[in-house]
Amino acid sequence: SVSSYNQEMSEVEARYVNLKYIADNEWIFFSNYNSPKAQQFNTHNQVS
């Protein structure tokens, strides 16, 4: 579960994704870059 901050709505949102890789200290999953979560990552890069 990855939680992100929706700056426009001042809300925290969570969703499940599939973790594909752990490469060194990086944890990697894949998504549509136009999705709401991607936009939230762009404006607030801290996640839980």
ModelCIF file with pLDDT and N, C-alpha, C, O atoms, coordinates in Angstrom:
data_MODEL
#
_entry.id   MODEL 
#
_entity.id                         1 
_entity.type                       polymer 
_entity.pdbx_number_of_molecules   1 
#
_entity_poly.entity_id                      1 
_entity_poly.type                           'polypeptide(L)' 
_entity_poly.nstd_linkage                   no 
_entity_poly.nstd_monomer                   no 
_entity_poly.pdbx_seq_one_letter_code       SVSSYNQEMSEVEARYVNLKYIADNEWIFFSNYNSPKAQQFNTHNQVS 
_entity_poly.pdbx_seq_one_letter_code_can   SVSSYNQEMSEVEARYVNLKYIADNEWIFFSNYNSPKAQQFNTHNQVS 
_entity_poly.pdbx_strand_id                 A 
#
loop_
_entity_poly_seq.entity_id 
_entity_poly_seq.num 
_entity_poly_seq.mon_id 
_entity_poly_seq.hetero 
1 1  SER n 
1 2  VAL n 
1 3  SER n 
1 4  SER n 
1 5  TYR n 
1 6  ASN n 
1 7  GLN n 
1 8  GLU n 
1 9  MET n 
1 10 SER n 
1 11 GLU n 
1 12 VAL n 
1 13 GLU n 
1 14 ALA n 
1 15 ARG n 
1 16 TYR n 
1 17 VAL n 
1 18 ASN n 
1 19 LEU n 
1 20 LYS n 
1 21 TYR n 
1 22 ILE n 
1 23 ALA n 
1 24 ASP n 
1 25 ASN n 
1 26 GLU n 
1 27 TRP n 
1 28 ILE n 
1 29 PHE n 
1 30 PHE n 
1 31 SER n 
1 32 ASN n 
1 33 TYR n 
1 34 ASN n 
1 35 SER n 
1 36 PRO n 
1 37 LYS n 
1 38 ALA n 
1 39 GLN n 
1 40 GLN n 
1 41 PHE n 
1 42 ASN n 
1 43 THR n 
1 44 HIS n 
1 45 ASN n 
1 46 GLN n 
1 47 VAL n 
1 48 SER n 
#
_struct_asym.id          A 
_struct_asym.entity_id   1 
#
loop_
_ma_qa_metric.id 
_ma_qa_metric.mode 
_ma_qa_metric.name 
_ma_qa_metric.software_group_id 
_ma_qa_metric.type 
1 global pLDDT . pLDDT 
2 local  pLDDT . pLDDT 
#
_ma_qa_metric_global.metric_id      1 
_ma_qa_metric_global.metric_value   96.81 
_ma_qa_metric_global.model_id       1 
_ma_qa_metric_global.ordinal_id     1 
#
loop_
_ma_qa_metric_local.label_asym_id 
_ma_qa_metric_local.label_comp_id 
_ma_qa_metric_local.label_seq_id 
_ma_qa_metric_local.metric_id 
_ma_qa_metric_local.metric_value 
_ma_qa_metric_local.model_id 
_ma_qa_metric_local.ordinal_id 
A SER 1  2 98.00 1 1  
A VAL 2  2 98.00 1 2  
A SER 3  2 98.00 1 3  
A SER 4  2 98.00 1 4  
A TYR 5  2 98.00 1 5  
A ASN 6  2 96.00 1 6  
A GLN 7  2 94.00 1 7  
A GLU 8  2 92.00 1 8  
A MET 9  2 94.00 1 9  
A SER 10 2 96.00 1 10 
A GLU 11 2 96.00 1 11 
A VAL 12 2 97.00 1 12 
A GLU 13 2 97.00 1 13 
A ALA 14 2 98.00 1 14 
A ARG 15 2 97.00 1 15 
A TYR 16 2 98.00 1 16 
A VAL 17 2 98.00 1 17 
A ASN 18 2 98.00 1 18 
A LEU 19 2 98.00 1 19 
A LYS 20 2 98.00 1 20 
A TYR 21 2 98.00 1 21 
A ILE 22 2 98.00 1 22 
A ALA 23 2 97.00 1 23 
A ASP 24 2 96.00 1 24 
A ASN 25 2 96.00 1 25 
A GLU 26 2 97.00 1 26 
A TRP 27 2 98.00 1 27 
A ILE 28 2 98.00 1 28 
A PHE 29 2 98.00 1 29 
A PHE 30 2 98.00 1 30 
A SER 31 2 96.00 1 31 
A ASN 32 2 96.00 1 32 
A TYR 33 2 97.00 1 33 
A ASN 34 2 95.00 1 34 
A SER 35 2 95.00 1 35 
A PRO 36 2 94.00 1 36 
A LYS 37 2 97.00 1 37 
A ALA 38 2 96.00 1 38 
A GLN 39 2 96.00 1 39 
A GLN 40 2 97.00 1 40 
A PHE 41 2 98.00 1 41 
A ASN 42 2 95.00 1 42 
A THR 43 2 96.00 1 43 
A HIS 44 2 97.00 1 44 
A ASN 45 2 97.00 1 45 
A GLN 46 2 98.00 1 46 
A VAL 47 2 98.00 1 47 
A SER 48 2 98.00 1 48 
#
loop_
_atom_site.group_PDB 
_atom_site.id 
_atom_site.type_symbol 
_atom_site.label_atom_id 
_atom_site.label_alt_id 
_atom_site.label_comp_id 
_atom_site.label_asym_id 
_atom_site.label_entity_id 
_atom_site.label_seq_id 
_atom_site.pdbx_PDB_ins_code 
_atom_site.Cartn_x 
_atom_site.Cartn_y 
_atom_site.Cartn_z 
_atom_site.occupancy 
_atom_site.B_iso_or_equiv 
_atom_site.pdbx_formal_charge 
_atom_site.auth_seq_id 
_atom_site.auth_comp_id 
_atom_site.auth_asym_id 
_atom_site.auth_atom_id 
_atom_site.pdbx_PDB_model_num 
ATOM 1   N N  . SER A 1 1  ? 0.853  -1.180 0.000   1.00 98.00 ? 1  SER A N  1 
ATOM 2   C CA . SER A 1 1  ? 0.000  0.000  0.000   1.00 98.00 ? 1  SER A CA 1 
ATOM 3   C C  . SER A 1 1  ? 0.894  1.237  0.000   1.00 98.00 ? 1  SER A C  1 
ATOM 4   O O  . SER A 1 1  ? 1.786  1.373  0.838   1.00 98.00 ? 1  SER A O  1 
ATOM 5   N N  . VAL A 1 2  ? 0.644  2.135  -0.949  1.00 98.00 ? 2  VAL A N  1 
ATOM 6   C CA . VAL A 1 2  ? 1.412  3.380  -1.037  1.00 98.00 ? 2  VAL A CA 1 
ATOM 7   C C  . VAL A 1 2  ? 0.453  4.549  -0.812  1.00 98.00 ? 2  VAL A C  1 
ATOM 8   O O  . VAL A 1 2  ? -0.536 4.706  -1.529  1.00 98.00 ? 2  VAL A O  1 
ATOM 9   N N  . SER A 1 3  ? 0.761  5.357  0.186   1.00 98.00 ? 3  SER A N  1 
ATOM 10  C CA . SER A 1 3  ? -0.048 6.536  0.488   1.00 98.00 ? 3  SER A CA 1 
ATOM 11  C C  . SER A 1 3  ? 0.672  7.786  0.001   1.00 98.00 ? 3  SER A C  1 
ATOM 12  O O  . SER A 1 3  ? 1.883  7.926  0.171   1.00 98.00 ? 3  SER A O  1 
ATOM 13  N N  . SER A 1 4  ? -0.084 8.684  -0.601  1.00 98.00 ? 4  SER A N  1 
ATOM 14  C CA . SER A 1 4  ? 0.482  9.929  -1.118  1.00 98.00 ? 4  SER A CA 1 
ATOM 15  C C  . SER A 1 4  ? -0.407 11.095 -0.696  1.00 98.00 ? 4  SER A C  1 
ATOM 16  O O  . SER A 1 4  ? -1.517 10.902 -0.200  1.00 98.00 ? 4  SER A O  1 
ATOM 17  N N  . TYR A 1 5  ? 0.099  12.298 -0.902  1.00 98.00 ? 5  TYR A N  1 
ATOM 18  C CA . TYR A 1 5  ? -0.628 13.506 -0.502  1.00 98.00 ? 5  TYR A CA 1 
ATOM 19  C C  . TYR A 1 5  ? -1.181 14.211 -1.726  1.00 98.00 ? 5  TYR A C  1 
ATOM 20  O O  . TYR A 1 5  ? -0.446 14.562 -2.649  1.00 98.00 ? 5  TYR A O  1 
ATOM 21  N N  . ASN A 1 6  ? -2.495 14.412 -1.716  1.00 96.00 ? 6  ASN A N  1 
ATOM 22  C CA . ASN A 1 6  ? -3.173 15.156 -2.767  1.00 96.00 ? 6  ASN A CA 1 
ATOM 23  C C  . ASN A 1 6  ? -3.192 16.621 -2.351  1.00 96.00 ? 6  ASN A C  1 
ATOM 24  O O  . ASN A 1 6  ? -4.016 17.042 -1.539  1.00 96.00 ? 6  ASN A O  1 
ATOM 25  N N  . GLN A 1 7  ? -2.273 17.385 -2.919  1.00 94.00 ? 7  GLN A N  1 
ATOM 26  C CA . GLN A 1 7  ? -2.101 18.780 -2.514  1.00 94.00 ? 7  GLN A CA 1 
ATOM 27  C C  . GLN A 1 7  ? -3.327 19.623 -2.859  1.00 94.00 ? 7  GLN A C  1 
ATOM 28  O O  . GLN A 1 7  ? -3.703 20.517 -2.101  1.00 94.00 ? 7  GLN A O  1 
ATOM 29  N N  . GLU A 1 8  ? -3.942 19.339 -3.996  1.00 92.00 ? 8  GLU A N  1 
ATOM 30  C CA . GLU A 1 8  ? -5.091 20.122 -4.449  1.00 92.00 ? 8  GLU A CA 1 
ATOM 31  C C  . GLU A 1 8  ? -6.275 19.981 -3.497  1.00 92.00 ? 8  GLU A C  1 
ATOM 32  O O  . GLU A 1 8  ? -6.983 20.952 -3.229  1.00 92.00 ? 8  GLU A O  1 
ATOM 33  N N  . MET A 1 9  ? -6.490 18.751 -2.980  1.00 94.00 ? 9  MET A N  1 
ATOM 34  C CA . MET A 1 9  ? -7.633 18.489 -2.106  1.00 94.00 ? 9  MET A CA 1 
ATOM 35  C C  . MET A 1 9  ? -7.264 18.470 -0.626  1.00 94.00 ? 9  MET A C  1 
ATOM 36  O O  . MET A 1 9  ? -8.138 18.338 0.231   1.00 94.00 ? 9  MET A O  1 
ATOM 37  N N  . SER A 1 10 ? -5.972 18.602 -0.324  1.00 96.00 ? 10 SER A N  1 
ATOM 38  C CA . SER A 1 10 ? -5.476 18.488 1.066   1.00 96.00 ? 10 SER A CA 1 
ATOM 39  C C  . SER A 1 10 ? -5.925 17.177 1.688   1.00 96.00 ? 10 SER A C  1 
ATOM 40  O O  . SER A 1 10 ? -6.416 17.142 2.817   1.00 96.00 ? 10 SER A O  1 
ATOM 41  N N  . GLU A 1 11 ? -5.749 16.096 0.929   1.00 96.00 ? 11 GLU A N  1 
ATOM 42  C CA . GLU A 1 11 ? -6.140 14.764 1.375   1.00 96.00 ? 11 GLU A CA 1 
ATOM 43  C C  . GLU A 1 11 ? -4.975 13.783 1.206   1.00 96.00 ? 11 GLU A C  1 
ATOM 44  O O  . GLU A 1 11 ? -4.118 13.945 0.338   1.00 96.00 ? 11 GLU A O  1 
ATOM 45  N N  . VAL A 1 12 ? -4.977 12.767 2.061   1.00 97.00 ? 12 VAL A N  1 
ATOM 46  C CA . VAL A 1 12 ? -4.044 11.651 1.895   1.00 97.00 ? 12 VAL A CA 1 
ATOM 47  C C  . VAL A 1 12 ? -4.804 10.517 1.216   1.00 97.00 ? 12 VAL A C  1 
ATOM 48  O O  . VAL A 1 12 ? -5.931 10.206 1.603   1.00 97.00 ? 12 VAL A O  1 
ATOM 49  N N  . GLU A 1 13 ? -4.196 9.896  0.206   1.00 97.00 ? 13 GLU A N  1 
ATOM 50  C CA . GLU A 1 13 ? -4.826 8.810  -0.522  1.00 97.00 ? 13 GLU A CA 1 
ATOM 51  C C  . GLU A 1 13 ? -3.908 7.591  -0.517  1.00 97.00 ? 13 GLU A C  1 
ATOM 52  O O  . GLU A 1 13 ? -2.685 7.728  -0.539  1.00 97.00 ? 13 GLU A O  1 
ATOM 53  N N  . ALA A 1 14 ? -4.498 6.408  -0.487  1.00 98.00 ? 14 ALA A N  1 
ATOM 54  C CA . ALA A 1 14 ? -3.722 5.166  -0.475  1.00 98.00 ? 14 ALA A CA 1 
ATOM 55  C C  . ALA A 1 14 ? -4.270 4.208  -1.512  1.00 98.00 ? 14 ALA A C  1 
ATOM 56  O O  . ALA A 1 14 ? -5.460 4.221  -1.830  1.00 98.00 ? 14 ALA A O  1 
ATOM 57  N N  . ARG A 1 15 ? -3.379 3.374  -2.036  1.00 97.00 ? 15 ARG A N  1 
ATOM 58  C CA . ARG A 1 15 ? -3.779 2.329  -2.972  1.00 97.00 ? 15 ARG A CA 1 
ATOM 59  C C  . ARG A 1 15 ? -2.727 1.229  -2.957  1.00 97.00 ? 15 ARG A C  1 
ATOM 60  O O  . ARG A 1 15 ? -1.583 1.464  -2.568  1.00 97.00 ? 15 ARG A O  1 
ATOM 61  N N  . TYR A 1 16 ? -3.120 0.012  -3.386  1.00 98.00 ? 16 TYR A N  1 
ATOM 62  C CA . TYR A 1 16 ? -2.164 -1.089 -3.495  1.00 98.00 ? 16 TYR A CA 1 
ATOM 63  C C  . TYR A 1 16 ? -1.527 -1.076 -4.885  1.00 98.00 ? 16 TYR A C  1 
ATOM 64  O O  . TYR A 1 16 ? -2.191 -0.827 -5.892  1.00 98.00 ? 16 TYR A O  1 
ATOM 65  N N  . VAL A 1 17 ? -0.242 -1.347 -4.911  1.00 98.00 ? 17 VAL A N  1 
ATOM 66  C CA . VAL A 1 17 ? 0.488  -1.550 -6.159  1.00 98.00 ? 17 VAL A CA 1 
ATOM 67  C C  . VAL A 1 17 ? 1.322  -2.819 -6.003  1.00 98.00 ? 17 VAL A C  1 
ATOM 68  O O  . VAL A 1 17 ? 1.505  -3.324 -4.895  1.00 98.00 ? 17 VAL A O  1 
ATOM 69  N N  . ASN A 1 18 ? 1.818  -3.317 -7.115  1.00 98.00 ? 18 ASN A N  1 
ATOM 70  C CA . ASN A 1 18 ? 2.672  -4.502 -7.079  1.00 98.00 ? 18 ASN A CA 1 
ATOM 71  C C  . ASN A 1 18 ? 4.136  -4.095 -7.138  1.00 98.00 ? 18 ASN A C  1 
ATOM 72  O O  . ASN A 1 18 ? 4.603  -3.544 -8.135  1.00 98.00 ? 18 ASN A O  1 
ATOM 73  N N  . LEU A 1 19 ? 4.849  -4.373 -6.058  1.00 98.00 ? 19 LEU A N  1 
ATOM 74  C CA . LEU A 1 19 ? 6.286  -4.092 -6.020  1.00 98.00 ? 19 LEU A CA 1 
ATOM 75  C C  . LEU A 1 19 ? 6.986  -5.119 -6.901  1.00 98.00 ? 19 LEU A C  1 
ATOM 76  O O  . LEU A 1 19 ? 6.839  -6.323 -6.687  1.00 98.00 ? 19 LEU A O  1 
ATOM 77  N N  . LYS A 1 20 ? 7.746  -4.653 -7.891  1.00 98.00 ? 20 LYS A N  1 
ATOM 78  C CA . LYS A 1 20 ? 8.380  -5.562 -8.842  1.00 98.00 ? 20 LYS A CA 1 
ATOM 79  C C  . LYS A 1 20 ? 9.843  -5.836 -8.527  1.00 98.00 ? 20 LYS A C  1 
ATOM 80  O O  . LYS A 1 20 ? 10.317 -6.960 -8.697  1.00 98.00 ? 20 LYS A O  1 
ATOM 81  N N  . TYR A 1 21 ? 10.564 -4.807 -8.065  1.00 98.00 ? 21 TYR A N  1 
ATOM 82  C CA . TYR A 1 21 ? 12.002 -4.950 -7.852  1.00 98.00 ? 21 TYR A CA 1 
ATOM 83  C C  . TYR A 1 21 ? 12.428 -4.246 -6.564  1.00 98.00 ? 21 TYR A C  1 
ATOM 84  O O  . TYR A 1 21 ? 11.835 -3.251 -6.148  1.00 98.00 ? 21 TYR A O  1 
ATOM 85  N N  . ILE A 1 22 ? 13.474 -4.794 -5.952  1.00 98.00 ? 22 ILE A N  1 
ATOM 86  C CA . ILE A 1 22 ? 14.270 -4.042 -4.989  1.00 98.00 ? 22 ILE A CA 1 
ATOM 87  C C  . ILE A 1 22 ? 15.689 -4.082 -5.540  1.00 98.00 ? 22 ILE A C  1 
ATOM 88  O O  . ILE A 1 22 ? 16.346 -5.123 -5.518  1.00 98.00 ? 22 ILE A O  1 
ATOM 89  N N  . ALA A 1 23 ? 16.152 -2.941 -6.033  1.00 97.00 ? 23 ALA A N  1 
ATOM 90  C CA . ALA A 1 23 ? 17.470 -2.840 -6.669  1.00 97.00 ? 23 ALA A CA 1 
ATOM 91  C C  . ALA A 1 23 ? 18.348 -1.956 -5.795  1.00 97.00 ? 23 ALA A C  1 
ATOM 92  O O  . ALA A 1 23 ? 18.158 -0.741 -5.735  1.00 97.00 ? 23 ALA A O  1 
ATOM 93  N N  . ASP A 1 24 ? 19.307 -2.575 -5.121  1.00 96.00 ? 24 ASP A N  1 
ATOM 94  C CA . ASP A 1 24 ? 20.119 -1.882 -4.120  1.00 96.00 ? 24 ASP A CA 1 
ATOM 95  C C  . ASP A 1 24 ? 19.175 -1.338 -3.050  1.00 96.00 ? 24 ASP A C  1 
ATOM 96  O O  . ASP A 1 24 ? 18.580 -2.126 -2.315  1.00 96.00 ? 24 ASP A O  1 
ATOM 97  N N  . ASN A 1 25 ? 19.016 -0.008 -2.938  1.00 96.00 ? 25 ASN A N  1 
ATOM 98  C CA . ASN A 1 25 ? 18.111 0.541  -1.926  1.00 96.00 ? 25 ASN A CA 1 
ATOM 99  C C  . ASN A 1 25 ? 16.847 1.138  -2.546  1.00 96.00 ? 25 ASN A C  1 
ATOM 100 O O  . ASN A 1 25 ? 16.106 1.857  -1.876  1.00 96.00 ? 25 ASN A O  1 
ATOM 101 N N  . GLU A 1 26 ? 16.600 0.842  -3.826  1.00 97.00 ? 26 GLU A N  1 
ATOM 102 C CA . GLU A 1 26 ? 15.428 1.376  -4.524  1.00 97.00 ? 26 GLU A CA 1 
ATOM 103 C C  . GLU A 1 26 ? 14.332 0.311  -4.623  1.00 97.00 ? 26 GLU A C  1 
ATOM 104 O O  . GLU A 1 26 ? 14.599 -0.844 -4.953  1.00 97.00 ? 26 GLU A O  1 
ATOM 105 N N  . TRP A 1 27 ? 13.104 0.721  -4.332  1.00 98.00 ? 27 TRP A N  1 
ATOM 106 C CA . TRP A 1 27 ? 11.924 -0.144 -4.380  1.00 98.00 ? 27 TRP A CA 1 
ATOM 107 C C  . TRP A 1 27 ? 11.091 0.326  -5.566  1.00 98.00 ? 27 TRP A C  1 
ATOM 108 O O  . TRP A 1 27 ? 10.701 1.493  -5.621  1.00 98.00 ? 27 TRP A O  1 
ATOM 109 N N  . ILE A 1 28 ? 10.814 -0.560 -6.511  1.00 98.00 ? 28 ILE A N  1 
ATOM 110 C CA . ILE A 1 28 ? 10.313 -0.122 -7.813  1.00 98.00 ? 28 ILE A CA 1 
ATOM 111 C C  . ILE A 1 28 ? 8.986  -0.794 -8.178  1.00 98.00 ? 28 ILE A C  1 
ATOM 112 O O  . ILE A 1 28 ? 8.837  -2.013 -8.093  1.00 98.00 ? 28 ILE A O  1 
ATOM 113 N N  . PHE A 1 29 ? 8.027  0.048  -8.589  1.00 98.00 ? 29 PHE A N  1 
ATOM 114 C CA . PHE A 1 29 ? 6.769  -0.431 -9.167  1.00 98.00 ? 29 PHE A CA 1 
ATOM 115 C C  . PHE A 1 29 ? 6.474  0.411  -10.401 1.00 98.00 ? 29 PHE A C  1 
ATOM 116 O O  . PHE A 1 29 ? 7.192  1.368  -10.690 1.00 98.00 ? 29 PHE A O  1 
ATOM 117 N N  . PHE A 1 30 ? 5.410  0.052  -11.134 1.00 98.00 ? 30 PHE A N  1 
ATOM 118 C CA . PHE A 1 30 ? 5.125  0.706  -12.417 1.00 98.00 ? 30 PHE A CA 1 
ATOM 119 C C  . PHE A 1 30 ? 3.687  1.210  -12.446 1.00 98.00 ? 30 PHE A C  1 
ATOM 120 O O  . PHE A 1 30 ? 2.790  0.653  -11.812 1.00 98.00 ? 30 PHE A O  1 
ATOM 121 N N  . SER A 1 31 ? 3.505  2.291  -13.212 1.00 96.00 ? 31 SER A N  1 
ATOM 122 C CA . SER A 1 31 ? 2.186  2.917  -13.251 1.00 96.00 ? 31 SER A CA 1 
ATOM 123 C C  . SER A 1 31 ? 2.077  3.836  -14.459 1.00 96.00 ? 31 SER A C  1 
ATOM 124 O O  . SER A 1 31 ? 3.054  4.096  -15.161 1.00 96.00 ? 31 SER A O  1 
ATOM 125 N N  . ASN A 1 32 ? 0.859  4.318  -14.678 1.00 96.00 ? 32 ASN A N  1 
ATOM 126 C CA . ASN A 1 32 ? 0.603  5.346  -15.680 1.00 96.00 ? 32 ASN A CA 1 
ATOM 127 C C  . ASN A 1 32 ? 1.062  6.684  -15.107 1.00 96.00 ? 32 ASN A C  1 
ATOM 128 O O  . ASN A 1 32 ? 0.657  7.060  -14.007 1.00 96.00 ? 32 ASN A O  1 
ATOM 129 N N  . TYR A 1 33 ? 1.903  7.400  -15.847 1.00 97.00 ? 33 TYR A N  1 
ATOM 130 C CA . TYR A 1 33 ? 2.437  8.675  -15.369 1.00 97.00 ? 33 TYR A CA 1 
ATOM 131 C C  . TYR A 1 33 ? 1.397  9.800  -15.370 1.00 97.00 ? 33 TYR A C  1 
ATOM 132 O O  . TYR A 1 33 ? 1.649  10.867 -14.812 1.00 97.00 ? 33 TYR A O  1 
ATOM 133 N N  . ASN A 1 34 ? 0.232  9.575  -15.990 1.00 95.00 ? 34 ASN A N  1 
ATOM 134 C CA . ASN A 1 34 ? -0.837 10.572 -15.976 1.00 95.00 ? 34 ASN A CA 1 
ATOM 135 C C  . ASN A 1 34 ? -1.879 10.288 -14.897 1.00 95.00 ? 34 ASN A C  1 
ATOM 136 O O  . ASN A 1 34 ? -2.857 11.024 -14.773 1.00 95.00 ? 34 ASN A O  1 
ATOM 137 N N  . SER A 1 35 ? -1.679 9.233  -14.124 1.00 95.00 ? 35 SER A N  1 
ATOM 138 C CA . SER A 1 35 ? -2.649 8.843  -13.096 1.00 95.00 ? 35 SER A CA 1 
ATOM 139 C C  . SER A 1 35 ? -2.640 9.836  -11.941 1.00 95.00 ? 35 SER A C  1 
ATOM 140 O O  . SER A 1 35 ? -1.676 10.587 -11.785 1.00 95.00 ? 35 SER A O  1 
ATOM 141 N N  . PRO A 1 36 ? -3.699 9.855  -11.125 1.00 94.00 ? 36 PRO A N  1 
ATOM 142 C CA . PRO A 1 36 ? -3.719 10.751 -9.963  1.00 94.00 ? 36 PRO A CA 1 
ATOM 143 C C  . PRO A 1 36 ? -2.539 10.540 -9.020  1.00 94.00 ? 36 PRO A C  1 
ATOM 144 O O  . PRO A 1 36 ? -1.969 11.511 -8.521  1.00 94.00 ? 36 PRO A O  1 
ATOM 145 N N  . LYS A 1 37 ? -2.164 9.283  -8.768  1.00 97.00 ? 37 LYS A N  1 
ATOM 146 C CA . LYS A 1 37 ? -1.053 9.067  -7.840  1.00 97.00 ? 37 LYS A CA 1 
ATOM 147 C C  . LYS A 1 37 ? 0.252  9.620  -8.400  1.00 97.00 ? 37 LYS A C  1 
ATOM 148 O O  . LYS A 1 37 ? 1.072  10.154 -7.653  1.00 97.00 ? 37 LYS A O  1 
ATOM 149 N N  . ALA A 1 38 ? 0.447  9.495  -9.716  1.00 96.00 ? 38 ALA A N  1 
ATOM 150 C CA . ALA A 1 38 ? 1.662  10.017 -10.332 1.00 96.00 ? 38 ALA A CA 1 
ATOM 151 C C  . ALA A 1 38 ? 1.721  11.537 -10.196 1.00 96.00 ? 38 ALA A C  1 
ATOM 152 O O  . ALA A 1 38 ? 2.784  12.099 -9.930  1.00 96.00 ? 38 ALA A O  1 
ATOM 153 N N  . GLN A 1 39 ? 0.586  12.197 -10.377 1.00 96.00 ? 39 GLN A N  1 
ATOM 154 C CA . GLN A 1 39 ? 0.537  13.648 -10.216 1.00 96.00 ? 39 GLN A CA 1 
ATOM 155 C C  . GLN A 1 39 ? 0.838  14.044 -8.768  1.00 96.00 ? 39 GLN A C  1 
ATOM 156 O O  . GLN A 1 39 ? 1.496  15.051 -8.508  1.00 96.00 ? 39 GLN A O  1 
ATOM 157 N N  . GLN A 1 40 ? 0.345  13.236 -7.841  1.00 97.00 ? 40 GLN A N  1 
ATOM 158 C CA . GLN A 1 40 ? 0.613  13.508 -6.428  1.00 97.00 ? 40 GLN A CA 1 
ATOM 159 C C  . GLN A 1 40 ? 2.090  13.309 -6.093  1.00 97.00 ? 40 GLN A C  1 
ATOM 160 O O  . GLN A 1 40 ? 2.661  14.076 -5.318  1.00 97.00 ? 40 GLN A O  1 
ATOM 161 N N  . PHE A 1 41 ? 2.706  12.285 -6.672  1.00 98.00 ? 41 PHE A N  1 
ATOM 162 C CA . PHE A 1 41 ? 4.140  12.076 -6.451  1.00 98.00 ? 41 PHE A CA 1 
ATOM 163 C C  . PHE A 1 41 ? 4.946  13.271 -6.976  1.00 98.00 ? 41 PHE A C  1 
ATOM 164 O O  . PHE A 1 41 ? 5.958  13.653 -6.390  1.00 98.00 ? 41 PHE A O  1 
ATOM 165 N N  . ASN A 1 42 ? 4.484  13.852 -8.086  1.00 95.00 ? 42 ASN A N  1 
ATOM 166 C CA . ASN A 1 42 ? 5.193  14.977 -8.694  1.00 95.00 ? 42 ASN A CA 1 
ATOM 167 C C  . ASN A 1 42 ? 5.153  16.228 -7.820  1.00 95.00 ? 42 ASN A C  1 
ATOM 168 O O  . ASN A 1 42 ? 6.112  16.998 -7.782  1.00 95.00 ? 42 ASN A O  1 
ATOM 169 N N  . THR A 1 43 ? 4.034  16.424 -7.117  1.00 96.00 ? 43 THR A N  1 
ATOM 170 C CA . THR A 1 43 ? 3.885  17.647 -6.317  1.00 96.00 ? 43 THR A CA 1 
ATOM 171 C C  . THR A 1 43 ? 4.302  17.461 -4.862  1.00 96.00 ? 43 THR A C  1 
ATOM 172 O O  . THR A 1 43 ? 4.568  18.436 -4.158  1.00 96.00 ? 43 THR A O  1 
ATOM 173 N N  . HIS A 1 44 ? 4.360  16.204 -4.413  1.00 97.00 ? 44 HIS A N  1 
ATOM 174 C CA . HIS A 1 44 ? 4.754  15.924 -3.021  1.00 97.00 ? 44 HIS A CA 1 
ATOM 175 C C  . HIS A 1 44 ? 5.450  14.562 -3.027  1.00 97.00 ? 44 HIS A C  1 
ATOM 176 O O  . HIS A 1 44 ? 4.784  13.528 -3.082  1.00 97.00 ? 44 HIS A O  1 
ATOM 177 N N  . ASN A 1 45 ? 6.768  14.555 -2.970  1.00 97.00 ? 45 ASN A N  1 
ATOM 178 C CA . ASN A 1 45 ? 7.514  13.322 -3.243  1.00 97.00 ? 45 ASN A CA 1 
ATOM 179 C C  . ASN A 1 45 ? 7.756  12.439 -2.021  1.00 97.00 ? 45 ASN A C  1 
ATOM 180 O O  . ASN A 1 45 ? 8.559  11.508 -2.074  1.00 97.00 ? 45 ASN A O  1 
ATOM 181 N N  . GLN A 1 46 ? 7.065  12.732 -0.923  1.00 98.00 ? 46 GLN A N  1 
ATOM 182 C CA . GLN A 1 46 ? 7.181  11.873 0.263   1.00 98.00 ? 46 GLN A CA 1 
ATOM 183 C C  . GLN A 1 46 ? 5.972  10.942 0.301   1.00 98.00 ? 46 GLN A C  1 
ATOM 184 O O  . GLN A 1 46 ? 4.833  11.381 0.143   1.00 98.00 ? 46 GLN A O  1 
ATOM 185 N N  . VAL A 1 47 ? 6.232  9.647  0.514   1.00 98.00 ? 47 VAL A N  1 
ATOM 186 C CA . VAL A 1 47 ? 5.154  8.660  0.564   1.00 98.00 ? 47 VAL A CA 1 
ATOM 187 C C  . VAL A 1 47 ? 5.299  7.795  1.809   1.00 98.00 ? 47 VAL A C  1 
ATOM 188 O O  . VAL A 1 47 ? 6.366  7.710  2.418   1.00 98.00 ? 47 VAL A O  1 
ATOM 189 N N  . SER A 1 48 ? 4.195  7.160  2.163   1.00 98.00 ? 48 SER A N  1 
ATOM 190 C CA . SER A 1 48 ? 4.179  6.172  3.233   1.00 98.00 ? 48 SER A CA 1 
ATOM 191 C C  . SER A 1 48 ? 3.803  4.834  2.619   1.00 98.00 ? 48 SER A C  1 
ATOM 192 O O  . SER A 1 48 ? 3.722  3.831  3.327   1.00 98.00 ? 48 SER A O  1 
#
